[in-house]
């Protein structure tokens, strides 16, 4: 296969991944009703309606079918059932109880205690959400160096990542 053929194949092949999602558009019930009426009442062909309103033929077909079965109500957006929270209530209760008994414990610590001591699954984000819902979230405390009265962290507290084979030159002045 020569370079010319490869270039032509790349140019003519469809994009990889979810390329079509970039141009997706959610239609309102009014838009759907307009498209359905153009076909049913005005007599325009499905192909023409699709081309003019930039709708796929399959979508228009589904809208027509829904309209025939349920009228205008069939074109309204469908709400799915409410999803049950993944975390059972006893675990939420345990999170709240731990925070009330130990107000100094942070989100990560509560999550670790639940995992290690009680073998209960609760990510730090889940703990944060449950504490926020229970109105037990307090303002986060400032970093340790600020609590100690310093304006900058100590040099020893700074963590630097140096790639292998590289030399790091650090020059700093000690203020004291």
Protein backbone atom coordinates (compact mmCIF):
# COMPACT_ATOMS: atom_id res chain seq x y z
CA UNK A 1 0.00 0.00 0.00
CA UNK A 2 1.51 3.32 -0.97
CA UNK A 3 1.29 6.67 0.87
CA UNK A 4 -1.40 8.03 -1.46
CA UNK A 5 -3.76 5.14 -0.63
CA UNK A 6 -3.18 5.52 3.13
CA UNK A 7 -3.89 9.24 3.03
CA UNK A 8 -7.10 8.68 1.04
CA UNK A 9 -8.29 5.99 3.47
CA UNK A 10 -7.71 8.29 6.43
CA UNK A 11 -9.57 11.12 4.72
CA UNK A 12 -12.54 8.95 3.76
CA UNK A 13 -12.88 6.89 6.95
CA UNK A 14 -15.29 7.93 9.72
CA UNK A 15 -13.83 9.50 12.85
CA UNK A 16 -12.93 7.24 15.74
CA UNK A 17 -14.65 7.37 19.09
CA UNK A 18 -17.78 9.32 19.82
CA UNK A 19 -17.41 11.74 16.94
CA UNK A 20 -21.14 12.01 16.35
CA UNK A 21 -21.85 13.18 19.89
CA UNK A 22 -20.31 16.58 19.18
CA UNK A 23 -23.22 17.53 16.93
CA UNK A 24 -25.97 16.05 19.07
CA UNK A 25 -28.90 18.28 19.95
CA UNK A 26 -31.74 17.76 22.38
CA UNK A 27 -35.07 18.71 20.89
CA UNK A 28 -37.82 20.22 23.00
CA UNK A 29 -41.39 18.91 22.91
CA UNK A 30 -42.32 21.96 20.81
CA UNK A 31 -39.59 21.14 18.25
CA UNK A 32 -40.79 17.55 18.04
CA UNK A 33 -44.41 18.63 17.66
CA UNK A 34 -43.44 21.04 14.86
CA UNK A 35 -41.64 18.26 12.98
CA UNK A 36 -44.55 15.83 13.44
CA UNK A 37 -47.12 18.39 12.28
CA UNK A 38 -45.06 19.33 9.23
CA UNK A 39 -45.25 15.69 8.15
CA UNK A 40 -48.77 14.74 9.26
CA UNK A 41 -50.76 17.95 8.68
CA UNK A 42 -48.75 19.82 6.05
CA UNK A 43 -47.90 16.72 4.04
CA UNK A 44 -44.14 17.21 3.75
CA UNK A 45 -42.11 14.06 3.28
CA UNK A 46 -40.10 12.66 6.19
CA UNK A 47 -36.87 13.17 4.27
CA UNK A 48 -37.63 16.86 3.66
CA UNK A 49 -38.62 17.49 7.29
CA UNK A 50 -35.47 15.77 8.51
CA UNK A 51 -33.26 17.75 6.15
CA UNK A 52 -34.84 21.12 6.99
CA UNK A 53 -34.90 20.64 10.78
CA UNK A 54 -31.61 18.74 10.96
CA UNK A 55 -33.22 15.68 12.53
CA UNK A 56 -32.29 12.08 11.88
CA UNK A 57 -34.86 9.88 10.13
CA UNK A 58 -34.90 7.44 13.04
CA UNK A 59 -35.68 10.23 15.52
CA UNK A 60 -38.53 11.57 13.41
CA UNK A 61 -39.88 8.03 13.04
CA UNK A 62 -39.87 7.58 16.83
CA UNK A 63 -41.58 10.94 17.33
CA UNK A 64 -44.29 10.04 14.80
CA UNK A 65 -44.88 6.71 16.52
CA UNK A 66 -45.08 8.34 19.97
CA UNK A 67 -47.45 10.98 18.64
CA UNK A 68 -49.77 8.38 17.10
CA UNK A 69 -49.86 6.38 20.36
CA UNK A 70 -50.11 9.14 22.99
CA UNK A 71 -50.69 12.44 21.17
CA UNK A 72 -48.76 15.52 22.26
CA UNK A 73 -48.04 13.94 25.66
CA UNK A 74 -45.99 11.26 23.88
CA UNK A 75 -43.51 13.91 22.74
CA UNK A 76 -42.83 15.21 26.27
CA UNK A 77 -39.49 14.21 27.82
CA UNK A 78 -39.68 11.06 29.89
CA UNK A 79 -38.40 11.24 33.46
CA UNK A 80 -36.78 8.08 34.73
CA UNK A 81 -37.41 6.71 38.20
CA UNK A 82 -35.47 8.31 41.08
CA UNK A 83 -32.31 6.42 41.81
CA UNK A 84 -31.93 5.02 45.31
CA UNK A 85 -28.82 6.18 47.12
CA UNK A 86 -26.05 3.61 46.82
CA UNK A 87 -25.01 3.93 50.44
CA UNK A 88 -27.37 2.23 52.92
CA UNK A 89 -28.79 4.35 55.74
CA UNK A 90 -26.90 2.50 58.55
CA UNK A 91 -23.58 3.48 56.97
CA UNK A 92 -24.71 7.12 56.73
CA UNK A 93 -25.71 6.94 60.38
CA UNK A 94 -22.26 5.58 61.26
CA UNK A 95 -20.57 8.46 59.39
CA UNK A 96 -22.65 11.05 61.25
CA UNK A 97 -22.09 9.31 64.60
CA UNK A 98 -18.30 9.20 64.08
CA UNK A 99 -18.20 12.91 63.25
CA UNK A 100 -20.36 13.87 66.24
CA UNK A 101 -18.24 11.80 68.63
CA UNK A 102 -14.97 13.04 67.09
CA UNK A 103 -15.46 16.54 65.68
CA UNK A 104 -11.74 16.88 64.88
CA UNK A 105 -11.78 13.91 62.51
CA UNK A 106 -11.63 14.88 58.87
CA UNK A 107 -13.25 13.33 55.85
CA UNK A 108 -10.34 11.04 54.96
CA UNK A 109 -9.93 9.81 58.50
CA UNK A 110 -13.61 8.93 58.85
CA UNK A 111 -13.49 7.13 55.50
CA UNK A 112 -10.43 5.14 56.60
CA UNK A 113 -11.98 4.23 59.96
CA UNK A 114 -15.13 2.98 58.25
CA UNK A 115 -13.07 0.87 55.86
CA UNK A 116 -10.52 -0.51 58.30
CA UNK A 117 -12.50 -0.94 61.51
CA UNK A 118 -16.05 -1.55 60.34
CA UNK A 119 -15.33 -2.96 56.85
CA UNK A 120 -17.84 -0.50 55.43
CA UNK A 121 -17.39 1.00 51.94
CA UNK A 122 -17.40 4.79 52.04
CA UNK A 123 -15.15 6.93 49.86
CA UNK A 124 -13.98 10.31 51.15
CA UNK A 125 -16.32 12.01 48.66
CA UNK A 126 -19.27 10.00 49.98
CA UNK A 127 -18.34 10.91 53.56
CA UNK A 128 -18.13 14.58 52.55
CA UNK A 129 -21.58 14.46 50.92
CA UNK A 130 -23.18 12.77 53.94
CA UNK A 131 -21.59 15.18 56.43
CA UNK A 132 -22.66 18.13 54.30
CA UNK A 133 -26.23 16.82 54.17
CA UNK A 134 -26.19 16.41 57.97
CA UNK A 135 -24.83 19.98 58.27
CA UNK A 136 -21.72 18.75 60.09
CA UNK A 137 -19.21 20.23 57.66
CA UNK A 138 -17.13 22.97 59.20
CA UNK A 139 -14.79 25.42 57.53
CA UNK A 140 -11.57 23.66 56.65
CA UNK A 141 -8.67 24.51 58.91
CA UNK A 142 -5.66 26.33 57.46
CA UNK A 143 -2.46 24.42 56.71
CA UNK A 144 -0.23 23.50 59.67
CA UNK A 145 2.42 26.11 58.87
CA UNK A 146 -0.18 28.88 58.96
CA UNK A 147 -1.64 27.61 62.24
CA UNK A 148 1.91 27.77 63.69
CA UNK A 149 2.17 31.45 62.74
CA UNK A 150 4.55 31.11 59.78
CA UNK A 151 3.91 32.75 56.44
CA UNK A 152 5.70 30.13 54.32
CA UNK A 153 6.14 26.38 54.72
CA UNK A 154 9.53 25.14 55.85
CA UNK A 155 11.93 23.95 53.18
CA UNK A 156 11.78 20.48 54.71
CA UNK A 157 8.02 20.38 54.12
CA UNK A 158 8.34 20.99 50.38
CA UNK A 159 8.18 17.90 48.18
CA UNK A 160 9.88 18.00 44.81
CA UNK A 161 9.73 15.41 42.09
CA UNK A 162 12.98 15.12 40.16
CA UNK A 163 12.97 12.88 37.05
CA UNK A 164 15.63 10.16 36.97
CA UNK A 165 18.95 11.29 35.55
CA UNK A 166 18.27 14.97 36.26
CA UNK A 167 20.16 17.16 38.68
CA UNK A 168 18.29 19.60 40.84
CA UNK A 169 19.98 22.77 41.99
CA UNK A 170 18.28 24.48 44.88
CA UNK A 171 19.38 27.82 46.19
CA UNK A 172 17.49 29.49 48.97
CA UNK A 173 18.05 31.89 51.75
CA UNK A 174 17.18 31.12 55.31
CA UNK A 175 15.11 33.80 56.97
CA UNK A 176 15.34 33.86 60.67
